[in-house]
Amino acid sequence: MLVARNKAHSRPLDDSDSGMQPSQMDANDTSYCYCGSRAKIWTSWTDNNPGRSFLGCSKYKSNGCGYFGWFDPPMCLRRRQIIPKLLRRIEQNRRKEKMYWVCIILSWLITIVIVGVVMFGGKAKKLNGEMLFLA
């Protein structure tokens, strides 16, 4: 089955993260694309085929020859509904985590400024254009 490809939602899949045993991959390991290169296994992350593996040209990201074929069988409707929602939730959690780190860093910076003001008593004097804190 040949279908249009979507470059924005795919990444290379190496043997370590494919979830397949090497013996399962041997049958398709000798697939070659139209330009004569060995086809690679990629993973689709579109809403219609989330996590589904496909064979594509090894130059897929740089406008290869257009070779495409599904490696995995089609997913059931329920998986196609659940996986995109889970991926969006993971992305939301990553954004929240980044915001937490920003808040932690800002709180530390504010704490340092407050401690500095308290230690120097908030007294400052300008001398030759430079601010000097007096104890």
C-alpha atoms as a PDB file:
ATOM      1  CA  MET A   1       0.000   0.000   0.000  1.00  0.00           C
ATOM      2  CA  LEU A   2       1.488   3.364  -1.007  1.00  0.00           C
ATOM      3  CA  VAL A   3       0.383   6.534   0.723  1.00  0.00           C
ATOM      4  CA  ALA A   4       1.550  10.123   0.951  1.00  0.00           C
ATOM      5  CA  ARG A   5       4.242  10.738   3.503  1.00  0.00           C
ATOM      6  CA  ASN A   6       4.420  13.413   6.154  1.00  0.00           C
ATOM      7  CA  LYS A   7       7.994  14.447   6.974  1.00  0.00           C
ATOM      8  CA  ALA A   8       7.081  16.492  10.038  1.00  0.00           C
ATOM      9  CA  HIS A   9       5.858  13.457  11.960  1.00  0.00           C
ATOM     10  CA  SER A  10       8.516  10.815  11.482  1.00  0.00           C
ATOM     11  CA  ARG A  11      11.870   9.894  12.926  1.00  0.00           C
ATOM     12  CA  PRO A  12      14.412   7.160  12.213  1.00  0.00           C
ATOM     13  CA  LEU A  13      13.857   3.973  14.153  1.00  0.00           C
ATOM     14  CA  ASP A  14      16.883   1.905  15.019  1.00  0.00           C
ATOM     15  CA  ASP A  15      16.802  -1.702  16.184  1.00  0.00           C
ATOM     16  CA  SER A  16      17.164  -0.751  19.860  1.00  0.00           C
ATOM     17  CA  ASP A  17      13.890   1.162  20.133  1.00  0.00           C
ATOM     18  CA  SER A  18      11.780  -0.658  17.561  1.00  0.00           C
ATOM     19  CA  GLY A  19      10.241  -3.070  20.044  1.00  0.00           C
ATOM     20  CA  MET A  20      10.887  -5.880  17.541  1.00  0.00           C
ATOM     21  CA  GLN A  21      13.325  -8.727  17.787  1.00  0.00           C
ATOM     22  CA  PRO A  22      16.050  -8.791  15.102  1.00  0.00           C
ATOM     23  CA  SER A  23      14.652 -12.069  13.758  1.00  0.00           C
ATOM     24  CA  GLN A  24      11.340 -10.338  13.032  1.00  0.00           C
ATOM     25  CA  MET A  25      13.125  -7.628  11.088  1.00  0.00           C
ATOM     26  CA  ASP A  26      15.252  -9.956   8.944  1.00  0.00           C
ATOM     27  CA  ALA A  27      12.427 -10.690   6.494  1.00  0.00           C
ATOM     28  CA  ASN A  28      12.206  -7.022   5.455  1.00  0.00           C
ATOM     29  CA  ASP A  29      15.834  -6.121   6.168  1.00  0.00           C
ATOM     30  CA  THR A  30      16.751  -6.586   2.501  1.00  0.00           C
ATOM     31  CA  SER A  31      14.153  -4.121   1.155  1.00  0.00           C
ATOM     32  CA  TYR A  32      15.606  -1.613  -1.264  1.00  0.00           C
ATOM     33  CA  CYS A  33      14.051   1.641  -2.378  1.00  0.00           C
ATOM     34  CA  TYR A  34      13.711   2.947  -5.927  1.00  0.00           C
ATOM     35  CA  CYS A  35      17.104   4.698  -5.821  1.00  0.00           C
ATOM     36  CA  GLY A  36      18.885   1.458  -4.894  1.00  0.00           C
ATOM     37  CA  SER A  37      19.595   2.299  -1.252  1.00  0.00           C
ATOM     38  CA  ARG A  38      18.607  -0.041   1.556  1.00  0.00           C
ATOM     39  CA  ALA A  39      15.210   1.043   2.923  1.00  0.00           C
ATOM     40  CA  LYS A  40      15.075   2.124   6.569  1.00  0.00           C
ATOM     41  CA  ILE A  41      12.369   1.593   9.146  1.00  0.00           C
ATOM     42  CA  TRP A  42      10.740   4.863  10.257  1.00  0.00           C
ATOM     43  CA  THR A  43       7.936   5.582  12.703  1.00  0.00           C
ATOM     44  CA  SER A  44       4.877   7.634  11.818  1.00  0.00           C
ATOM     45  CA  TRP A  45       3.602  10.049  14.468  1.00  0.00           C
ATOM     46  CA  THR A  46       0.537  11.318  12.589  1.00  0.00           C
ATOM     47  CA  ASP A  47      -2.876  11.161  14.276  1.00  0.00           C
ATOM     48  CA  ASN A  48      -4.018   8.456  11.828  1.00  0.00           C
ATOM     49  CA  ASN A  49      -0.971   6.187  12.285  1.00  0.00           C
ATOM     50  CA  PRO A  50       0.690   7.000  15.615  1.00  0.00           C
ATOM     51  CA  GLY A  51       3.674   4.788  16.362  1.00  0.00           C
ATOM     52  CA  ARG A  52       3.195   2.725  13.212  1.00  0.00           C
ATOM     53  CA  SER A  53       6.421   1.633  11.500  1.00  0.00           C
ATOM     54  CA  PHE A  54       6.973   1.976   7.779  1.00  0.00           C
ATOM     55  CA  LEU A  55       9.749   1.345   5.266  1.00  0.00           C
ATOM     56  CA  GLY A  56      11.058   4.408   3.497  1.00  0.00           C
ATOM     57  CA  CYS A  57      13.977   5.612   1.454  1.00  0.00           C
ATOM     58  CA  SER A  58      17.128   6.113   3.530  1.00  0.00           C
ATOM     59  CA  LYS A  59      17.150   9.683   2.148  1.00  0.00           C
ATOM     60  CA  TYR A  60      13.567  10.199   3.323  1.00  0.00           C
ATOM     61  CA  LYS A  61      14.278  13.450   5.201  1.00  0.00           C
ATOM     62  CA  SER A  62      16.059  15.002   2.219  1.00  0.00           C
ATOM     63  CA  ASN A  63      13.452  14.269  -0.475  1.00  0.00           C
ATOM     64  CA  GLY A  64      14.518  10.723  -1.319  1.00  0.00           C
ATOM     65  CA  CYS A  65      13.055   8.636  -4.135  1.00  0.00           C
ATOM     66  CA  GLY A  66       9.593   8.410  -2.522  1.00  0.00           C
ATOM     67  CA  TYR A  67       9.709   4.701  -1.654  1.00  0.00           C
ATOM     68  CA  PHE A  68       7.105   3.902   1.006  1.00  0.00           C
ATOM     69  CA  GLY A  69       5.525   0.777   2.411  1.00  0.00           C
ATOM     70  CA  TRP A  70       3.924  -0.050   5.748  1.00  0.00           C
ATOM     71  CA  PHE A  71       6.000  -2.315   7.986  1.00  0.00           C
ATOM     72  CA  ASP A  72       3.326  -2.783  10.686  1.00  0.00           C
ATOM     73  CA  PRO A  73      -0.281  -3.844  10.145  1.00  0.00           C
ATOM     74  CA  PRO A  74      -2.970  -1.146  10.517  1.00  0.00           C
ATOM     75  CA  MET A  75      -3.904  -0.122  14.058  1.00  0.00           C
ATOM     76  CA  CYS A  76      -7.340  -0.558  15.526  1.00  0.00           C
ATOM     77  CA  LEU A  77      -9.534   2.529  15.916  1.00  0.00           C
ATOM     78  CA  ARG A  78      -9.151   2.621  19.710  1.00  0.00           C
ATOM     79  CA  ARG A  79      -5.330   2.821  19.525  1.00  0.00           C
ATOM     80  CA  ARG A  80      -5.563   5.553  16.909  1.00  0.00           C
ATOM     81  CA  GLN A  81      -7.749   7.523  19.329  1.00  0.00           C
ATOM     82  CA  ILE A  82      -5.714   6.955  22.497  1.00  0.00           C
ATOM     83  CA  ILE A  83      -2.097   7.325  21.339  1.00  0.00           C
ATOM     84  CA  PRO A  84      -2.361  10.929  19.982  1.00  0.00           C
ATOM     85  CA  LYS A  85      -4.068  12.006  23.231  1.00  0.00           C
ATOM     86  CA  LEU A  86      -1.293  10.400  25.284  1.00  0.00           C
ATOM     87  CA  LEU A  87       1.375  12.081  23.155  1.00  0.00           C
ATOM     88  CA  ARG A  88      -0.291  15.482  23.642  1.00  0.00           C
ATOM     89  CA  ARG A  89      -0.485  14.871  27.401  1.00  0.00           C
ATOM     90  CA  ILE A  90       3.241  14.007  27.490  1.00  0.00           C
ATOM     91  CA  GLU A  91       4.041  17.223  25.622  1.00  0.00           C
ATOM     92  CA  GLN A  92       1.899  19.249  28.055  1.00  0.00           C
ATOM     93  CA  ASN A  93       3.741  17.672  30.991  1.00  0.00           C
ATOM     94  CA  ARG A  94       7.092  18.556  29.424  1.00  0.00           C
ATOM     95  CA  ARG A  95       5.987  22.186  29.082  1.00  0.00           C
ATOM     96  CA  LYS A  96       4.837  22.232  32.709  1.00  0.00           C
ATOM     97  CA  GLU A  97       8.165  20.786  33.830  1.00  0.00           C
ATOM     98  CA  LYS A  98      10.040  23.548  31.974  1.00  0.00           C
ATOM     99  CA  MET A  99       7.850  26.174  33.656  1.00  0.00           C
ATOM    100  CA  TYR A 100       8.565  24.639  37.066  1.00  0.00           C
ATOM    101  CA  TRP A 101      12.304  24.896  36.411  1.00  0.00           C
ATOM    102  CA  VAL A 102      11.933  28.539  35.349  1.00  0.00           C
ATOM    103  CA  CYS A 103       9.991  29.251  38.552  1.00  0.00           C
ATOM    104  CA  ILE A 104      12.631  27.511  40.684  1.00  0.00           C
ATOM    105  CA  ILE A 105      15.462  29.480  39.076  1.00  0.00           C
ATOM    106  CA  LEU A 106      13.577  32.775  39.414  1.00  0.00           C
ATOM    107  CA  SER A 107      12.791  32.068  43.067  1.00  0.00           C
ATOM    108  CA  TRP A 108      16.481  31.436  43.750  1.00  0.00           C
ATOM    109  CA  LEU A 109      17.463  34.665  41.989  1.00  0.00           C
ATOM    110  CA  ILE A 110      14.896  36.629  43.985  1.00  0.00           C
ATOM    111  CA  THR A 111      16.141  34.987  47.187  1.00  0.00           C
ATOM    112  CA  ILE A 112      19.735  35.944  46.383  1.00  0.00           C
ATOM    113  CA  VAL A 113      18.715  39.558  45.717  1.00  0.00           C
ATOM    114  CA  ILE A 114      16.729  39.737  48.976  1.00  0.00           C
ATOM    115  CA  VAL A 115      19.599  38.236  50.981  1.00  0.00           C
ATOM    116  CA  GLY A 116      21.989  40.731  49.368  1.00  0.00           C
ATOM    117  CA  VAL A 117      19.746  43.655  50.253  1.00  0.00           C
ATOM    118  CA  VAL A 118      19.325  42.428  53.835  1.00  0.00           C
ATOM    119  CA  MET A 119      23.060  41.844  54.292  1.00  0.00           C
ATOM    120  CA  PHE A 120      23.982  45.277  53.003  1.00  0.00           C
ATOM    121  CA  GLY A 121      21.086  46.950  54.790  1.00  0.00           C
ATOM    122  CA  GLY A 122      19.767  48.429  51.580  1.00  0.00           C
ATOM    123  CA  LYS A 123      22.192  51.364  51.926  1.00  0.00           C
ATOM    124  CA  ALA A 124      23.793  52.418  48.696  1.00  0.00           C
ATOM    125  CA  LYS A 125      26.016  55.293  47.689  1.00  0.00           C
ATOM    126  CA  LYS A 126      26.947  56.403  44.211  1.00  0.00           C
ATOM    127  CA  LEU A 127      30.642  57.060  43.754  1.00  0.00           C
ATOM    128  CA  ASN A 128      32.134  57.941  40.345  1.00  0.00           C
ATOM    129  CA  GLY A 129      29.052  56.603  38.561  1.00  0.00           C
ATOM    130  CA  GLU A 130      29.190  53.230  40.334  1.00  0.00           C
ATOM    131  CA  MET A 131      26.757  51.996  42.950  1.00  0.00           C
ATOM    132  CA  LEU A 132      28.413  51.050  46.239  1.00  0.00           C
ATOM    133  CA  PHE A 133      26.638  49.254  49.062  1.00  0.00           C
ATOM    134  CA  LEU A 134      27.485  50.313  52.578  1.00  0.00           C
ATOM    135  CA  ALA A 135      27.271  48.025  55.591  1.00  0.00           C
END
